Amino acid sequence: MQLTDHLFLLTGAGYGQVGNAYAVLSEERLTLIDAGKDDASLEIMLDNLVLHHLDRYPVTDVLLTHMHNDHSGNAWYWQEKGAKIRMSESDASGLASGGIRVNDYGLFPFHTCMADDYLEDDVPVTLNGVTFRPLLMPGHTNGSMFFLFEIDGFACCATGDTVIPVPGEFDRGFEASFGWKGSSEMDNEKLFQTLERALQIRCDILLGGHGIPVMRAGDEVLKLALRTAYMTLR
């Protein structure tokens, strides 16, 4: 699904899959945000690369919002194809070890791999001409990250499972939800601190780890998230 001239949704809810993954095209190279979950999501990702004529470009980097298998399950594949896996150091340890930290209490197969680069909080990294600003935003996992960047004149924020936009009832636009509450590292107090920090973010497009991307006034969903957390998590 093409979101802007150079931003694409490759897999996720719109394709009947668990876990969104995005592609940013710049300088005839691709940066992915999250990697897809499994063989089924990988097949859809590869099909969409062909559909949008992106298969001619190499995937050079994968930014992982967090370690859970529905976002990192195919990291090994992209790494074998030459991409660098970049994420927080805390969650990289889960990617390397597998187990209950990443994998629905170990119920499903998970292909471990080693991250190539540990991203630090608020230390920008420029990939293929696009500058990504990683923010360490714990709560869903200890090493969950947001990625802020600009593409095609739009300010974008990828939130992983820390903030998930969901359609509101009765045509009220979007509301905010949160990722899987059964995570071994789910910490509500850390999440509240993260959501307070998120109030400072300004973005047009909000790219959640699940659901539908918000294409206008994405920061309004971040504002709603803190209110929703206080109403539902305390």
Foldseek 3Di string as FASTA:
>chain_A
DDQDPFKAWQDAVVNVAHWIKMWGDALLAIEIEFDAADPVSVVSNVVVCVVVVSPVGQHAEYEYQAQARRRHQCVVVSVVSHHAYEFAPVRQVCLAPPAQQHYVRPPDDGDHDGGPYHDDAQDWDADNNKIWGWHQQDQLARGGIWIWTDDPRWTEIEREQLWDWDQDPPRPGTETDGDDCPRPHHDLVSSLVSLVVLLPDWGQWYHYGHDDIRRGRPSVNSVRHNVVSVVPVD
